[in-house]
All heavy atoms as atom14 arrays in JSON, in Angstrom:
{
  "sequence": "VPILCATSAFGMGVDLPGIRLVVHYSAPASL",
  "atom14_mask": [
    [1, 1, 1, 1, 1, 1, 1, 0, 0, 0, 0, 0, 0, 0],
    [1, 1, 1, 1, 1, 1, 1, 0, 0, 0, 0, 0, 0, 0],
    [1, 1, 1, 1, 1, 1, 1, 1, 0, 0, 0, 0, 0, 0],
    [1, 1, 1, 1, 1, 1, 1, 1, 0, 0, 0, 0, 0, 0],
    [1, 1, 1, 1, 1, 1, 0, 0, 0, 0, 0, 0, 0, 0],
    [1, 1, 1, 1, 1, 0, 0, 0, 0, 0, 0, 0, 0, 0],
    [1, 1, 1, 1, 1, 1, 1, 0, 0, 0, 0, 0, 0, 0],
    [1, 1, 1, 1, 1, 1, 0, 0, 0, 0, 0, 0, 0, 0],
    [1, 1, 1, 1, 1, 0, 0, 0, 0, 0, 0, 0, 0, 0],
    [1, 1, 1, 1, 1, 1, 1, 1, 1, 1, 1, 0, 0, 0],
    [1, 1, 1, 1, 0, 0, 0, 0, 0, 0, 0, 0, 0, 0],
    [1, 1, 1, 1, 1, 1, 1, 1, 0, 0, 0, 0, 0, 0],
    [1, 1, 1, 1, 0, 0, 0, 0, 0, 0, 0, 0, 0, 0],
    [1, 1, 1, 1, 1, 1, 1, 0, 0, 0, 0, 0, 0, 0],
    [1, 1, 1, 1, 1, 1, 1, 1, 0, 0, 0, 0, 0, 0],
    [1, 1, 1, 1, 1, 1, 1, 1, 0, 0, 0, 0, 0, 0],
    [1, 1, 1, 1, 1, 1, 1, 0, 0, 0, 0, 0, 0, 0],
    [1, 1, 1, 1, 0, 0, 0, 0, 0, 0, 0, 0, 0, 0],
    [1, 1, 1, 1, 1, 1, 1, 1, 0, 0, 0, 0, 0, 0],
    [1, 1, 1, 1, 1, 1, 1, 1, 1, 1, 1, 0, 0, 0],
    [1, 1, 1, 1, 1, 1, 1, 1, 0, 0, 0, 0, 0, 0],
    [1, 1, 1, 1, 1, 1, 1, 0, 0, 0, 0, 0, 0, 0],
    [1, 1, 1, 1, 1, 1, 1, 0, 0, 0, 0, 0, 0, 0],
    [1, 1, 1, 1, 1, 1, 1, 1, 1, 1, 0, 0, 0, 0],
    [1, 1, 1, 1, 1, 1, 1, 1, 1, 1, 1, 1, 0, 0],
    [1, 1, 1, 1, 1, 1, 0, 0, 0, 0, 0, 0, 0, 0],
    [1, 1, 1, 1, 1, 0, 0, 0, 0, 0, 0, 0, 0, 0],
    [1, 1, 1, 1, 1, 1, 1, 0, 0, 0, 0, 0, 0, 0],
    [1, 1, 1, 1, 1, 0, 0, 0, 0, 0, 0, 0, 0, 0],
    [1, 1, 1, 1, 1, 1, 0, 0, 0, 0, 0, 0, 0, 0],
    [1, 1, 1, 1, 1, 1, 1, 1, 0, 0, 0, 0, 0, 0]
  ],
  "atom14_positions": [
    [[0.97, -1.22, 0.01], [-0.03, 0.04, -0.01], [0.9, 1.25, 0.04], [1.54, 1.58, 1.08], [-0.92, 0.01, 1.21], [-1.78, 1.29, 1.28], [-1.87, -1.22, 1.17], [0.0, 0.0, 0.0], [0.0, 0.0, 0.0], [0.0, 0.0, 0.0], [0.0, 0.0, 0.0], [0.0, 0.0, 0.0], [0.0, 0.0, 0.0], [0.0, 0.0, 0.0]],
    [[1.08, 1.85, -1.15], [2.16, 2.89, -1.32], [1.77, 4.25, -0.64], [2.73, 5.02, -0.51], [2.28, 3.05, -2.76], [1.01, 2.68, -3.32], [0.42, 1.67, -2.48], [0.0, 0.0, 0.0], [0.0, 0.0, 0.0], [0.0, 0.0, 0.0], [0.0, 0.0, 0.0], [0.0, 0.0, 0.0], [0.0, 0.0, 0.0], [0.0, 0.0, 0.0]],
    [[0.56, 4.53, -0.27], [0.16, 5.85, 0.23], [-0.35, 5.75, 1.61], [-1.24, 4.94, 1.93], [-0.88, 6.51, -0.7], [-0.39, 6.57, -2.1], [-1.25, 7.92, -0.19], [-1.39, 7.01, -3.18], [0.0, 0.0, 0.0], [0.0, 0.0, 0.0], [0.0, 0.0, 0.0], [0.0, 0.0, 0.0], [0.0, 0.0, 0.0], [0.0, 0.0, 0.0]],
    [[0.14, 6.57, 2.48], [-0.37, 6.65, 3.88], [-0.9, 8.08, 4.14], [-0.1, 9.05, 4.07], [0.71, 6.34, 4.88], [0.25, 6.15, 6.3], [-0.55, 4.84, 6.47], [1.54, 5.99, 7.27], [0.0, 0.0, 0.0], [0.0, 0.0, 0.0], [0.0, 0.0, 0.0], [0.0, 0.0, 0.0], [0.0, 0.0, 0.0], [0.0, 0.0, 0.0]],
    [[-2.26, 8.19, 4.45], [-2.77, 9.51, 4.93], [-2.76, 9.56, 6.39], [-3.32, 8.66, 7.07], [-4.24, 9.6, 4.33], [-4.33, 9.54, 2.61], [0.0, 0.0, 0.0], [0.0, 0.0, 0.0], [0.0, 0.0, 0.0], [0.0, 0.0, 0.0], [0.0, 0.0, 0.0], [0.0, 0.0, 0.0], [0.0, 0.0, 0.0], [0.0, 0.0, 0.0]],
    [[-2.09, 10.53, 6.97], [-1.8, 10.48, 8.42], [-1.88, 11.89, 8.95], [-1.64, 12.89, 8.28], [-0.4, 9.93, 8.64], [0.0, 0.0, 0.0], [0.0, 0.0, 0.0], [0.0, 0.0, 0.0], [0.0, 0.0, 0.0], [0.0, 0.0, 0.0], [0.0, 0.0, 0.0], [0.0, 0.0, 0.0], [0.0, 0.0, 0.0], [0.0, 0.0, 0.0]],
    [[-2.07, 11.91, 10.29], [-1.85, 13.18, 11.05], [-0.42, 13.15, 11.55], [0.4, 12.36, 11.23], [-2.87, 13.16, 12.28], [-2.52, 12.11, 13.12], [-4.27, 13.06, 11.77], [0.0, 0.0, 0.0], [0.0, 0.0, 0.0], [0.0, 0.0, 0.0], [0.0, 0.0, 0.0], [0.0, 0.0, 0.0], [0.0, 0.0, 0.0], [0.0, 0.0, 0.0]],
    [[-0.13, 14.16, 12.38], [1.27, 14.29, 12.86], [1.56, 13.04, 13.84], [2.78, 12.98, 14.19], [1.41, 15.59, 13.65], [0.46, 15.61, 14.67], [0.0, 0.0, 0.0], [0.0, 0.0, 0.0], [0.0, 0.0, 0.0], [0.0, 0.0, 0.0], [0.0, 0.0, 0.0], [0.0, 0.0, 0.0], [0.0, 0.0, 0.0], [0.0, 0.0, 0.0]],
    [[0.64, 12.25, 14.12], [1.05, 11.04, 14.88], [1.95, 10.1, 14.23], [2.66, 9.41, 14.86], [-0.31, 10.25, 15.26], [0.0, 0.0, 0.0], [0.0, 0.0, 0.0], [0.0, 0.0, 0.0], [0.0, 0.0, 0.0], [0.0, 0.0, 0.0], [0.0, 0.0, 0.0], [0.0, 0.0, 0.0], [0.0, 0.0, 0.0], [0.0, 0.0, 0.0]],
    [[1.98, 10.22, 12.88], [2.94, 9.51, 12.09], [4.18, 10.39, 11.93], [4.16, 11.34, 11.22], [2.43, 9.12, 10.76], [3.38, 8.39, 9.88], [3.66, 7.03, 9.99], [4.11, 9.04, 8.86], [4.55, 6.39, 9.22], [5.04, 8.43, 8.06], [5.21, 7.07, 8.26], [0.0, 0.0, 0.0], [0.0, 0.0, 0.0], [0.0, 0.0, 0.0]],
    [[5.3, 9.98, 12.65], [6.45, 10.77, 12.5], [7.48, 10.48, 13.51], [8.61, 10.15, 13.24], [0.0, 0.0, 0.0], [0.0, 0.0, 0.0], [0.0, 0.0, 0.0], [0.0, 0.0, 0.0], [0.0, 0.0, 0.0], [0.0, 0.0, 0.0], [0.0, 0.0, 0.0], [0.0, 0.0, 0.0], [0.0, 0.0, 0.0], [0.0, 0.0, 0.0]],
    [[7.08, 10.37, 14.85], [8.01, 10.21, 15.9], [8.7, 8.84, 15.75], [7.98, 7.8, 15.74], [7.37, 10.3, 17.26], [6.75, 11.71, 17.56], [8.07, 12.98, 17.51], [9.05, 12.53, 18.89], [0.0, 0.0, 0.0], [0.0, 0.0, 0.0], [0.0, 0.0, 0.0], [0.0, 0.0, 0.0], [0.0, 0.0, 0.0], [0.0, 0.0, 0.0]],
    [[9.96, 8.77, 15.58], [10.64, 7.57, 15.44], [10.58, 6.87, 14.13], [11.17, 5.73, 13.88], [0.0, 0.0, 0.0], [0.0, 0.0, 0.0], [0.0, 0.0, 0.0], [0.0, 0.0, 0.0], [0.0, 0.0, 0.0], [0.0, 0.0, 0.0], [0.0, 0.0, 0.0], [0.0, 0.0, 0.0], [0.0, 0.0, 0.0], [0.0, 0.0, 0.0]],
    [[9.96, 7.54, 13.11], [9.81, 6.97, 11.78], [11.13, 7.33, 10.99], [11.46, 8.47, 10.83], [8.54, 7.47, 11.04], [8.51, 7.07, 9.69], [7.35, 7.06, 11.85], [0.0, 0.0, 0.0], [0.0, 0.0, 0.0], [0.0, 0.0, 0.0], [0.0, 0.0, 0.0], [0.0, 0.0, 0.0], [0.0, 0.0, 0.0], [0.0, 0.0, 0.0]],
    [[11.69, 6.3, 10.45], [12.92, 6.51, 9.6], [12.87, 5.56, 8.49], [13.67, 4.63, 8.41], [14.14, 6.37, 10.48], [15.4, 6.85, 9.78], [15.3, 7.47, 8.72], [16.55, 6.49, 10.23], [0.0, 0.0, 0.0], [0.0, 0.0, 0.0], [0.0, 0.0, 0.0], [0.0, 0.0, 0.0], [0.0, 0.0, 0.0], [0.0, 0.0, 0.0]],
    [[11.91, 5.73, 7.54], [11.85, 4.82, 6.39], [12.62, 5.34, 5.2], [12.52, 6.51, 4.83], [10.36, 4.74, 6.02], [9.41, 4.17, 7.08], [7.99, 4.16, 6.54], [9.83, 2.72, 7.5], [0.0, 0.0, 0.0], [0.0, 0.0, 0.0], [0.0, 0.0, 0.0], [0.0, 0.0, 0.0], [0.0, 0.0, 0.0], [0.0, 0.0, 0.0]],
    [[13.41, 4.47, 4.55], [14.32, 5.06, 3.52], [13.58, 5.24, 2.18], [14.12, 6.02, 1.31], [15.28, 3.84, 3.39], [14.57, 2.6, 3.75], [13.69, 3.05, 4.85], [0.0, 0.0, 0.0], [0.0, 0.0, 0.0], [0.0, 0.0, 0.0], [0.0, 0.0, 0.0], [0.0, 0.0, 0.0], [0.0, 0.0, 0.0], [0.0, 0.0, 0.0]],
    [[12.37, 4.66, 1.91], [11.84, 4.69, 0.64], [10.67, 5.76, 0.36], [9.95, 5.67, -0.59], [0.0, 0.0, 0.0], [0.0, 0.0, 0.0], [0.0, 0.0, 0.0], [0.0, 0.0, 0.0], [0.0, 0.0, 0.0], [0.0, 0.0, 0.0], [0.0, 0.0, 0.0], [0.0, 0.0, 0.0], [0.0, 0.0, 0.0], [0.0, 0.0, 0.0]],
    [[10.52, 6.7, 1.28], [9.49, 7.61, 1.09], [9.99, 8.74, 0.04], [10.97, 9.39, 0.22], [9.12, 8.44, 2.36], [8.58, 7.37, 3.35], [8.18, 9.57, 2.12], [8.21, 8.0, 4.74], [0.0, 0.0, 0.0], [0.0, 0.0, 0.0], [0.0, 0.0, 0.0], [0.0, 0.0, 0.0], [0.0, 0.0, 0.0], [0.0, 0.0, 0.0]],
    [[9.28, 8.71, -1.07], [9.7, 9.58, -2.23], [8.89, 10.88, -2.36], [9.25, 11.81, -3.07], [9.62, 8.94, -3.56], [10.42, 7.56, -3.63], [11.74, 7.8, -4.31], [12.7, 8.6, -3.55], [13.42, 8.17, -2.57], [13.45, 6.88, -2.22], [14.29, 8.99, -1.97], [0.0, 0.0, 0.0], [0.0, 0.0, 0.0], [0.0, 0.0, 0.0]],
    [[7.73, 11.0, -1.71], [6.88, 12.18, -1.78], [6.13, 12.32, -0.47], [5.6, 11.45, 0.11], [5.8, 11.93, -2.89], [4.73, 13.01, -3.04], [5.43, 14.35, -3.51], [3.74, 12.63, -4.09], [0.0, 0.0, 0.0], [0.0, 0.0, 0.0], [0.0, 0.0, 0.0], [0.0, 0.0, 0.0], [0.0, 0.0, 0.0], [0.0, 0.0, 0.0]],
    [[6.24, 13.64, 0.02], [5.43, 14.04, 1.24], [4.6, 15.18, 0.76], [5.06, 16.21, 0.31], [6.39, 14.41, 2.35], [5.57, 15.14, 3.52], [7.18, 13.26, 2.92], [0.0, 0.0, 0.0], [0.0, 0.0, 0.0], [0.0, 0.0, 0.0], [0.0, 0.0, 0.0], [0.0, 0.0, 0.0], [0.0, 0.0, 0.0], [0.0, 0.0, 0.0]],
    [[3.29, 14.97, 0.96], [2.3, 16.04, 0.61], [1.68, 16.58, 1.93], [1.21, 15.81, 2.78], [1.21, 15.53, -0.29], [0.17, 16.59, -0.61], [1.81, 14.97, -1.66], [0.0, 0.0, 0.0], [0.0, 0.0, 0.0], [0.0, 0.0, 0.0], [0.0, 0.0, 0.0], [0.0, 0.0, 0.0], [0.0, 0.0, 0.0], [0.0, 0.0, 0.0]],
    [[1.58, 17.82, 2.1], [0.8, 18.49, 3.22], [-0.44, 18.91, 2.55], [-0.52, 19.93, 1.85], [1.61, 19.61, 3.89], [2.61, 19.25, 4.83], [3.86, 18.75, 4.47], [2.55, 19.03, 6.22], [4.54, 18.42, 5.57], [3.74, 18.58, 6.64], [0.0, 0.0, 0.0], [0.0, 0.0, 0.0], [0.0, 0.0, 0.0], [0.0, 0.0, 0.0]],
    [[-1.49, 18.13, 2.8], [-2.86, 18.44, 2.26], [-3.43, 19.67, 2.83], [-4.18, 20.37, 2.13], [-3.73, 17.22, 2.45], [-5.05, 17.31, 1.76], [-5.21, 17.19, 0.36], [-6.22, 17.51, 2.53], [-6.44, 17.21, -0.26], [-7.42, 17.61, 1.85], [-7.51, 17.46, 0.51], [-8.73, 17.55, -0.08], [0.0, 0.0, 0.0], [0.0, 0.0, 0.0]],
    [[-3.14, 19.99, 4.03], [-3.54, 21.22, 4.68], [-2.32, 21.7, 5.49], [-1.46, 20.99, 5.84], [-4.76, 21.0, 5.56], [-4.59, 19.84, 6.4], [0.0, 0.0, 0.0], [0.0, 0.0, 0.0], [0.0, 0.0, 0.0], [0.0, 0.0, 0.0], [0.0, 0.0, 0.0], [0.0, 0.0, 0.0], [0.0, 0.0, 0.0], [0.0, 0.0, 0.0]],
    [[-2.39, 23.04, 5.82], [-1.22, 23.68, 6.32], [-0.91, 23.15, 7.77], [-1.8, 23.01, 8.7], [-1.51, 25.18, 6.49], [0.0, 0.0, 0.0], [0.0, 0.0, 0.0], [0.0, 0.0, 0.0], [0.0, 0.0, 0.0], [0.0, 0.0, 0.0], [0.0, 0.0, 0.0], [0.0, 0.0, 0.0], [0.0, 0.0, 0.0], [0.0, 0.0, 0.0]],
    [[0.4, 22.86, 8.02], [0.71, 22.46, 9.41], [0.66, 23.65, 10.39], [0.5, 24.72, 9.92], [2.18, 21.91, 9.21], [2.62, 22.64, 8.12], [1.5, 22.91, 7.19], [0.0, 0.0, 0.0], [0.0, 0.0, 0.0], [0.0, 0.0, 0.0], [0.0, 0.0, 0.0], [0.0, 0.0, 0.0], [0.0, 0.0, 0.0], [0.0, 0.0, 0.0]],
    [[0.9, 23.34, 11.62], [0.78, 24.45, 12.64], [1.94, 25.46, 12.59], [1.74, 26.55, 13.08], [0.75, 23.78, 14.03], [0.0, 0.0, 0.0], [0.0, 0.0, 0.0], [0.0, 0.0, 0.0], [0.0, 0.0, 0.0], [0.0, 0.0, 0.0], [0.0, 0.0, 0.0], [0.0, 0.0, 0.0], [0.0, 0.0, 0.0], [0.0, 0.0, 0.0]],
    [[3.04, 25.09, 12.05], [4.17, 26.02, 12.12], [5.21, 25.55, 11.04], [5.12, 24.44, 10.49], [4.83, 25.99, 13.45], [5.41, 24.73, 13.8], [0.0, 0.0, 0.0], [0.0, 0.0, 0.0], [0.0, 0.0, 0.0], [0.0, 0.0, 0.0], [0.0, 0.0, 0.0], [0.0, 0.0, 0.0], [0.0, 0.0, 0.0], [0.0, 0.0, 0.0]],
    [[6.16, 26.39, 10.79], [7.26, 25.98, 9.91], [8.1, 25.02, 10.46], [8.56, 24.11, 9.77], [8.06, 27.26, 9.55], [9.14, 27.11, 8.53], [8.59, 26.59, 7.16], [9.97, 28.36, 8.19], [0.0, 0.0, 0.0], [0.0, 0.0, 0.0], [0.0, 0.0, 0.0], [0.0, 0.0, 0.0], [0.0, 0.0, 0.0], [0.0, 0.0, 0.0]]
  ]
}
């Protein structure tokens, strides 16, 4: 399953080598 739709809960400790595209569908809280 190549696409994961996630909130900021997906991130802490994540270190996957094969992520080729990150889309912010809506604006995050800060830079």
